[in-house]
Amino acid sequence: MDLFNQEVQQNILPFDGEVIDFGLILNKEQCNFYYDKLFNEIPWENDQAIVFGKHYVTKRKVAWFGNKEYNYSYSGVTKQAHLWTPELLELKKKVEEISKATYNSCLLNLYHDGSEGMAWHSDGEKTLQENGVIASVTLGAERKFSFKHKETKQRIDIILKNGSLLLMKGETQKNWLHRLPPTKKIHAPRINLTFRTIII
């Protein structure tokens, strides 16, 4: 019996959802390789959003990849997916083997330092598979990641480490918000990959 795997696969949410922290799935050499490839070769663009009719452009950069060059809309903005790179396909295969789920797309976020984060939100777009699995891989700087229940306001905080995998599944998006809080303590970049399933 593998007690370590049992421990890391426990649900960190107390109720109304499932979030599984698998811990490190990549070693230091793999982390450095994928981080360098993605940082330097992904066609990063500043993210955009339309909130209450006002157009915002973030310092944080994003890129969207998938099985096809399909369109994906969120926050009032439509983006077109790029086709998988060899490195993203390698990471996708590894994440699918560990999570026992399949994905047809990936949203990549580049946070240049701790001043860049993500506000409270849920990944509840209509084009996302309902109650589907979202697999989050961290490369680069360690950052705190927070969950807040939509009704009780209970908070859960975890640290996402370089090379780690976090799964959000079940009714997590329906009942919980999540965010990447800004911090003045982090001065290095972080790349986040969220593998997900889009209904095409």
C-alpha atoms as a PDB file:
ATOM      1  CA  MET A   1       0.000   0.000   0.000  1.00  0.00           C
ATOM      2  CA  ASP A   2       1.375   3.409  -1.002  1.00  0.00           C
ATOM      3  CA  LEU A   3       0.572   5.660   1.942  1.00  0.00           C
ATOM      4  CA  PHE A   4       2.271   8.659   0.316  1.00  0.00           C
ATOM      5  CA  ASN A   5       0.014   8.561  -2.741  1.00  0.00           C
ATOM      6  CA  GLN A   6      -3.018   8.131  -0.522  1.00  0.00           C
ATOM      7  CA  GLU A   7      -2.079  11.267   1.374  1.00  0.00           C
ATOM      8  CA  VAL A   8      -1.423  13.533  -1.604  1.00  0.00           C
ATOM      9  CA  GLN A   9      -4.646  12.465  -3.311  1.00  0.00           C
ATOM     10  CA  GLN A  10      -6.956  13.533  -0.482  1.00  0.00           C
ATOM     11  CA  ASN A  11      -9.615  16.146  -1.184  1.00  0.00           C
ATOM     12  CA  ILE A  12      -8.517  19.464   0.343  1.00  0.00           C
ATOM     13  CA  LEU A  13     -12.036  20.920   0.240  1.00  0.00           C
ATOM     14  CA  PRO A  14     -14.268  20.153   3.250  1.00  0.00           C
ATOM     15  CA  PHE A  15     -17.492  19.902   1.200  1.00  0.00           C
ATOM     16  CA  ASP A  16     -19.279  20.843  -2.060  1.00  0.00           C
ATOM     17  CA  GLY A  17     -16.419  20.013  -4.407  1.00  0.00           C
ATOM     18  CA  GLU A  18     -13.202  18.116  -5.017  1.00  0.00           C
ATOM     19  CA  VAL A  19      -9.705  19.586  -5.207  1.00  0.00           C
ATOM     20  CA  ILE A  20      -6.858  17.075  -5.287  1.00  0.00           C
ATOM     21  CA  ASP A  21      -3.262  18.185  -4.692  1.00  0.00           C
ATOM     22  CA  PHE A  22      -0.919  15.647  -6.315  1.00  0.00           C
ATOM     23  CA  GLY A  23       2.156  17.595  -5.284  1.00  0.00           C
ATOM     24  CA  LEU A  24       5.258  17.443  -7.507  1.00  0.00           C
ATOM     25  CA  ILE A  25       4.877  15.520 -10.771  1.00  0.00           C
ATOM     26  CA  LEU A  26       8.031  16.917 -12.417  1.00  0.00           C
ATOM     27  CA  ASN A  27      11.623  16.893 -11.194  1.00  0.00           C
ATOM     28  CA  LYS A  28      13.834  20.000 -11.173  1.00  0.00           C
ATOM     29  CA  GLU A  29      15.418  19.235 -14.551  1.00  0.00           C
ATOM     30  CA  GLN A  30      12.011  18.729 -16.181  1.00  0.00           C
ATOM     31  CA  CYS A  31      10.671  21.915 -14.591  1.00  0.00           C
ATOM     32  CA  ASN A  32      13.590  23.947 -15.946  1.00  0.00           C
ATOM     33  CA  PHE A  33      13.229  22.445 -19.434  1.00  0.00           C
ATOM     34  CA  TYR A  34       9.475  23.049 -19.769  1.00  0.00           C
ATOM     35  CA  TYR A  35       9.629  26.477 -18.137  1.00  0.00           C
ATOM     36  CA  ASP A  36      12.346  27.688 -20.533  1.00  0.00           C
ATOM     37  CA  LYS A  37      10.594  26.260 -23.614  1.00  0.00           C
ATOM     38  CA  LEU A  38       7.215  27.727 -22.730  1.00  0.00           C
ATOM     39  CA  PHE A  39       8.525  31.086 -21.522  1.00  0.00           C
ATOM     40  CA  ASN A  40      10.555  31.665 -24.687  1.00  0.00           C
ATOM     41  CA  GLU A  41       8.507  29.968 -27.417  1.00  0.00           C
ATOM     42  CA  ILE A  42       4.810  30.382 -26.541  1.00  0.00           C
ATOM     43  CA  PRO A  43       3.100  33.258 -28.455  1.00  0.00           C
ATOM     44  CA  TRP A  44       2.137  35.128 -25.285  1.00  0.00           C
ATOM     45  CA  GLU A  45      -0.396  37.977 -25.467  1.00  0.00           C
ATOM     46  CA  ASN A  46      -1.689  40.329 -22.786  1.00  0.00           C
ATOM     47  CA  ASP A  47      -5.028  39.083 -21.498  1.00  0.00           C
ATOM     48  CA  GLN A  48      -8.145  41.156 -22.115  1.00  0.00           C
ATOM     49  CA  ALA A  49     -11.569  41.376 -20.478  1.00  0.00           C
ATOM     50  CA  ILE A  50     -14.712  43.437 -20.829  1.00  0.00           C
ATOM     51  CA  VAL A  51     -16.256  44.198 -17.421  1.00  0.00           C
ATOM     52  CA  PHE A  52     -19.439  46.305 -17.213  1.00  0.00           C
ATOM     53  CA  GLY A  53     -18.730  47.560 -20.723  1.00  0.00           C
ATOM     54  CA  LYS A  54     -15.165  48.658 -19.990  1.00  0.00           C
ATOM     55  CA  HIS A  55     -12.223  47.094 -21.804  1.00  0.00           C
ATOM     56  CA  TYR A  56      -9.261  45.997 -19.663  1.00  0.00           C
ATOM     57  CA  VAL A  57      -5.811  44.787 -20.716  1.00  0.00           C
ATOM     58  CA  THR A  58      -3.763  42.948 -18.080  1.00  0.00           C
ATOM     59  CA  LYS A  59      -0.016  42.776 -17.512  1.00  0.00           C
ATOM     60  CA  ARG A  60      -0.503  39.027 -17.160  1.00  0.00           C
ATOM     61  CA  LYS A  61      -0.070  37.245 -20.477  1.00  0.00           C
ATOM     62  CA  VAL A  62      -2.006  34.269 -21.815  1.00  0.00           C
ATOM     63  CA  ALA A  63      -2.058  31.740 -24.631  1.00  0.00           C
ATOM     64  CA  TRP A  64      -4.657  29.171 -25.627  1.00  0.00           C
ATOM     65  CA  PHE A  65      -3.909  25.756 -27.162  1.00  0.00           C
ATOM     66  CA  GLY A  66      -6.051  22.829 -28.225  1.00  0.00           C
ATOM     67  CA  ASN A  67      -6.813  19.929 -30.541  1.00  0.00           C
ATOM     68  CA  LYS A  68      -8.242  22.343 -33.111  1.00  0.00           C
ATOM     69  CA  GLU A  69      -7.974  26.057 -33.895  1.00  0.00           C
ATOM     70  CA  TYR A  70     -11.384  26.715 -32.349  1.00  0.00           C
ATOM     71  CA  ASN A  71     -12.642  29.911 -30.737  1.00  0.00           C
ATOM     72  CA  TYR A  72     -13.095  30.272 -26.998  1.00  0.00           C
ATOM     73  CA  SER A  73     -14.869  33.177 -25.289  1.00  0.00           C
ATOM     74  CA  TYR A  74     -14.639  34.434 -21.708  1.00  0.00           C
ATOM     75  CA  SER A  75     -15.038  37.833 -20.043  1.00  0.00           C
ATOM     76  CA  GLY A  76     -16.526  39.203 -23.243  1.00  0.00           C
ATOM     77  CA  VAL A  77     -13.424  38.441 -25.344  1.00  0.00           C
ATOM     78  CA  THR A  78     -13.008  35.707 -27.980  1.00  0.00           C
ATOM     79  CA  LYS A  79      -9.669  33.964 -28.506  1.00  0.00           C
ATOM     80  CA  GLN A  80      -8.540  31.393 -31.055  1.00  0.00           C
ATOM     81  CA  ALA A  81      -6.618  28.327 -29.964  1.00  0.00           C
ATOM     82  CA  HIS A  82      -3.187  27.443 -31.292  1.00  0.00           C
ATOM     83  CA  LEU A  83      -2.382  23.822 -32.082  1.00  0.00           C
ATOM     84  CA  TRP A  84      -0.442  21.849 -29.451  1.00  0.00           C
ATOM     85  CA  THR A  85       3.344  22.167 -29.286  1.00  0.00           C
ATOM     86  CA  PRO A  86       5.365  18.965 -28.701  1.00  0.00           C
ATOM     87  CA  GLU A  87       6.126  20.058 -25.116  1.00  0.00           C
ATOM     88  CA  LEU A  88       2.488  20.764 -24.315  1.00  0.00           C
ATOM     89  CA  LEU A  89       1.509  17.369 -25.717  1.00  0.00           C
ATOM     90  CA  GLU A  90       4.096  15.736 -23.438  1.00  0.00           C
ATOM     91  CA  LEU A  91       2.718  17.541 -20.391  1.00  0.00           C
ATOM     92  CA  LYS A  92      -0.862  16.785 -21.451  1.00  0.00           C
ATOM     93  CA  LYS A  93      -0.091  13.064 -21.711  1.00  0.00           C
ATOM     94  CA  LYS A  94       1.549  13.011 -18.279  1.00  0.00           C
ATOM     95  CA  VAL A  95      -1.335  14.917 -16.659  1.00  0.00           C
ATOM     96  CA  GLU A  96      -3.909  12.631 -18.307  1.00  0.00           C
ATOM     97  CA  GLU A  97      -2.133   9.524 -17.006  1.00  0.00           C
ATOM     98  CA  ILE A  98      -2.046  10.868 -13.447  1.00  0.00           C
ATOM     99  CA  SER A  99      -5.528  12.411 -13.365  1.00  0.00           C
ATOM    100  CA  LYS A 100      -7.288   9.565 -15.225  1.00  0.00           C
ATOM    101  CA  ALA A 101      -9.033  12.179 -17.383  1.00  0.00           C
ATOM    102  CA  THR A 102      -8.635  13.546 -20.918  1.00  0.00           C
ATOM    103  CA  TYR A 103      -8.391  17.165 -22.085  1.00  0.00           C
ATOM    104  CA  ASN A 104      -8.767  18.885 -25.460  1.00  0.00           C
ATOM    105  CA  SER A 105      -7.433  22.337 -24.572  1.00  0.00           C
ATOM    106  CA  CYS A 106      -5.101  24.276 -22.302  1.00  0.00           C
ATOM    107  CA  LEU A 107      -5.065  27.881 -21.112  1.00  0.00           C
ATOM    108  CA  LEU A 108      -1.582  29.128 -20.220  1.00  0.00           C
ATOM    109  CA  ASN A 109      -1.007  32.125 -17.942  1.00  0.00           C
ATOM    110  CA  LEU A 110       2.288  33.956 -17.474  1.00  0.00           C
ATOM    111  CA  TYR A 111       2.618  35.969 -14.249  1.00  0.00           C
ATOM    112  CA  HIS A 112       5.797  38.048 -14.419  1.00  0.00           C
ATOM    113  CA  ASP A 113       6.032  38.499 -10.626  1.00  0.00           C
ATOM    114  CA  GLY A 114       3.921  38.538  -7.483  1.00  0.00           C
ATOM    115  CA  SER A 115       2.236  41.833  -8.378  1.00  0.00           C
ATOM    116  CA  GLU A 116       0.234  39.980 -11.030  1.00  0.00           C
ATOM    117  CA  GLY A 117      -2.547  37.697  -9.857  1.00  0.00           C
ATOM    118  CA  MET A 118      -6.115  36.625 -10.510  1.00  0.00           C
ATOM    119  CA  ALA A 119      -9.249  37.898  -8.750  1.00  0.00           C
ATOM    120  CA  TRP A 120     -11.930  35.658  -7.216  1.00  0.00           C
ATOM    121  CA  HIS A 121     -13.718  33.702  -9.959  1.00  0.00           C
ATOM    122  CA  SER A 122     -15.051  30.321 -11.037  1.00  0.00           C
ATOM    123  CA  ASP A 123     -14.343  28.598 -14.335  1.00  0.00           C
ATOM    124  CA  GLY A 124     -17.997  28.325 -15.268  1.00  0.00           C
ATOM    125  CA  GLU A 125     -18.091  29.208 -18.960  1.00  0.00           C
ATOM    126  CA  LYS A 126     -20.873  27.491 -20.897  1.00  0.00           C
ATOM    127  CA  THR A 127     -18.352  25.980 -23.308  1.00  0.00           C
ATOM    128  CA  LEU A 128     -16.585  24.107 -20.487  1.00  0.00           C
ATOM    129  CA  GLN A 129     -17.604  20.521 -19.806  1.00  0.00           C
ATOM    130  CA  GLU A 130     -20.036  20.600 -16.865  1.00  0.00           C
ATOM    131  CA  ASN A 131     -18.390  19.327 -13.682  1.00  0.00           C
ATOM    132  CA  GLY A 132     -15.366  18.442 -15.796  1.00  0.00           C
ATOM    133  CA  VAL A 133     -11.831  18.110 -14.490  1.00  0.00           C
ATOM    134  CA  ILE A 134      -9.493  21.111 -14.675  1.00  0.00           C
ATOM    135  CA  ALA A 135      -5.835  20.166 -14.187  1.00  0.00           C
ATOM    136  CA  SER A 136      -3.481  22.964 -13.098  1.00  0.00           C
ATOM    137  CA  VAL A 137       0.294  22.637 -13.506  1.00  0.00           C
ATOM    138  CA  THR A 138       2.689  25.202 -11.984  1.00  0.00           C
ATOM    139  CA  LEU A 139       6.116  26.038 -13.406  1.00  0.00           C
ATOM    140  CA  GLY A 140       8.385  28.653 -11.866  1.00  0.00           C
ATOM    141  CA  ALA A 141       7.736  30.675  -8.723  1.00  0.00           C
ATOM    142  CA  GLU A 142       5.743  29.164  -5.867  1.00  0.00           C
ATOM    143  CA  ARG A 143       2.492  31.031  -5.232  1.00  0.00           C
ATOM    144  CA  LYS A 144      -0.357  30.868  -2.756  1.00  0.00           C
ATOM    145  CA  PHE A 145      -3.687  29.735  -4.250  1.00  0.00           C
ATOM    146  CA  SER A 146      -6.966  30.335  -2.434  1.00  0.00           C
ATOM    147  CA  PHE A 147     -10.486  28.894  -2.458  1.00  0.00           C
ATOM    148  CA  LYS A 148     -13.589  30.552  -0.982  1.00  0.00           C
ATOM    149  CA  HIS A 149     -17.008  28.921  -0.642  1.00  0.00           C
ATOM    150  CA  LYS A 150     -19.677  30.978  -2.389  1.00  0.00           C
ATOM    151  CA  GLU A 151     -22.157  30.744   0.507  1.00  0.00           C
ATOM    152  CA  THR A 152     -20.276  30.046   3.738  1.00  0.00           C
ATOM    153  CA  LYS A 153     -17.217  32.141   2.695  1.00  0.00           C
ATOM    154  CA  GLN A 154     -14.935  29.499   4.211  1.00  0.00           C
ATOM    155  CA  ARG A 155     -11.345  29.894   2.954  1.00  0.00           C
ATOM    156  CA  ILE A 156      -8.786  27.266   2.005  1.00  0.00           C
ATOM    157  CA  ASP A 157      -5.230  28.328   1.111  1.00  0.00           C
ATOM    158  CA  ILE A 158      -2.506  26.144  -0.414  1.00  0.00           C
ATOM    159  CA  ILE A 159       0.963  26.698  -1.890  1.00  0.00           C
ATOM    160  CA  LEU A 160       1.429  25.695  -5.532  1.00  0.00           C
ATOM    161  CA  LYS A 161       5.024  24.561  -5.992  1.00  0.00           C
ATOM    162  CA  ASN A 162       7.218  24.423  -9.084  1.00  0.00           C
ATOM    163  CA  GLY A 163       6.318  21.196 -10.928  1.00  0.00           C
ATOM    164  CA  SER A 164       3.091  20.517  -9.020  1.00  0.00           C
ATOM    165  CA  LEU A 165      -0.323  19.328 -10.225  1.00  0.00           C
ATOM    166  CA  LEU A 166      -3.680  20.399  -8.768  1.00  0.00           C
ATOM    167  CA  LEU A 167      -7.046  19.009  -9.921  1.00  0.00           C
ATOM    168  CA  MET A 168     -10.398  20.782  -9.579  1.00  0.00           C
ATOM    169  CA  LYS A 169     -13.334  18.491 -10.274  1.00  0.00           C
ATOM    170  CA  GLY A 170     -16.964  17.649  -9.435  1.00  0.00           C
ATOM    171  CA  GLU A 171     -19.024  20.639  -8.281  1.00  0.00           C
ATOM    172  CA  THR A 172     -16.019  22.769  -7.307  1.00  0.00           C
ATOM    173  CA  GLN A 173     -16.712  25.483  -9.897  1.00  0.00           C
ATOM    174  CA  LYS A 174     -20.391  25.586  -8.933  1.00  0.00           C
ATOM    175  CA  ASN A 175     -19.773  26.074  -5.206  1.00  0.00           C
ATOM    176  CA  TRP A 176     -16.298  27.588  -4.811  1.00  0.00           C
ATOM    177  CA  LEU A 177     -14.415  30.634  -6.042  1.00  0.00           C
ATOM    178  CA  HIS A 178     -10.640  30.582  -6.466  1.00  0.00           C
ATOM    179  CA  ARG A 179      -7.925  33.173  -6.945  1.00  0.00           C
ATOM    180  CA  LEU A 180      -4.183  33.759  -7.166  1.00  0.00           C
ATOM    181  CA  PRO A 181      -3.625  36.592  -4.660  1.00  0.00           C
ATOM    182  CA  PRO A 182      -0.965  39.220  -5.470  1.00  0.00           C
ATOM    183  CA  THR A 183       2.065  39.445  -3.224  1.00  0.00           C
ATOM    184  CA  LYS A 184       5.097  41.733  -2.884  1.00  0.00           C
ATOM    185  CA  LYS A 185       7.277  38.817  -1.764  1.00  0.00           C
ATOM    186  CA  ILE A 186       7.555  37.089  -5.154  1.00  0.00           C
ATOM    187  CA  HIS A 187       9.861  38.622  -7.786  1.00  0.00           C
ATOM    188  CA  ALA A 188      10.150  35.689 -10.217  1.00  0.00           C
ATOM    189  CA  PRO A 189       7.752  34.624 -13.002  1.00  0.00           C
ATOM    190  CA  ARG A 190       5.253  31.771 -12.812  1.00  0.00           C
ATOM    191  CA  ILE A 191       3.709  29.853 -15.704  1.00  0.00           C
ATOM    192  CA  ASN A 192       0.393  28.130 -15.041  1.00  0.00           C
ATOM    193  CA  LEU A 193      -1.159  25.570 -17.381  1.00  0.00           C
ATOM    194  CA  THR A 194      -4.822  24.640 -16.932  1.00  0.00           C
ATOM    195  CA  PHE A 195      -5.803  21.627 -19.005  1.00  0.00           C
ATOM    196  CA  ARG A 196      -9.558  21.409 -19.553  1.00  0.00           C
ATOM    197  CA  THR A 197     -12.283  20.072 -21.842  1.00  0.00           C
ATOM    198  CA  ILE A 198     -14.166  22.423 -24.138  1.00  0.00           C
ATOM    199  CA  ILE A 199     -17.486  21.372 -25.688  1.00  0.00           C
ATOM    200  CA  ILE A 200     -17.020  22.055 -29.388  1.00  0.00           C
END
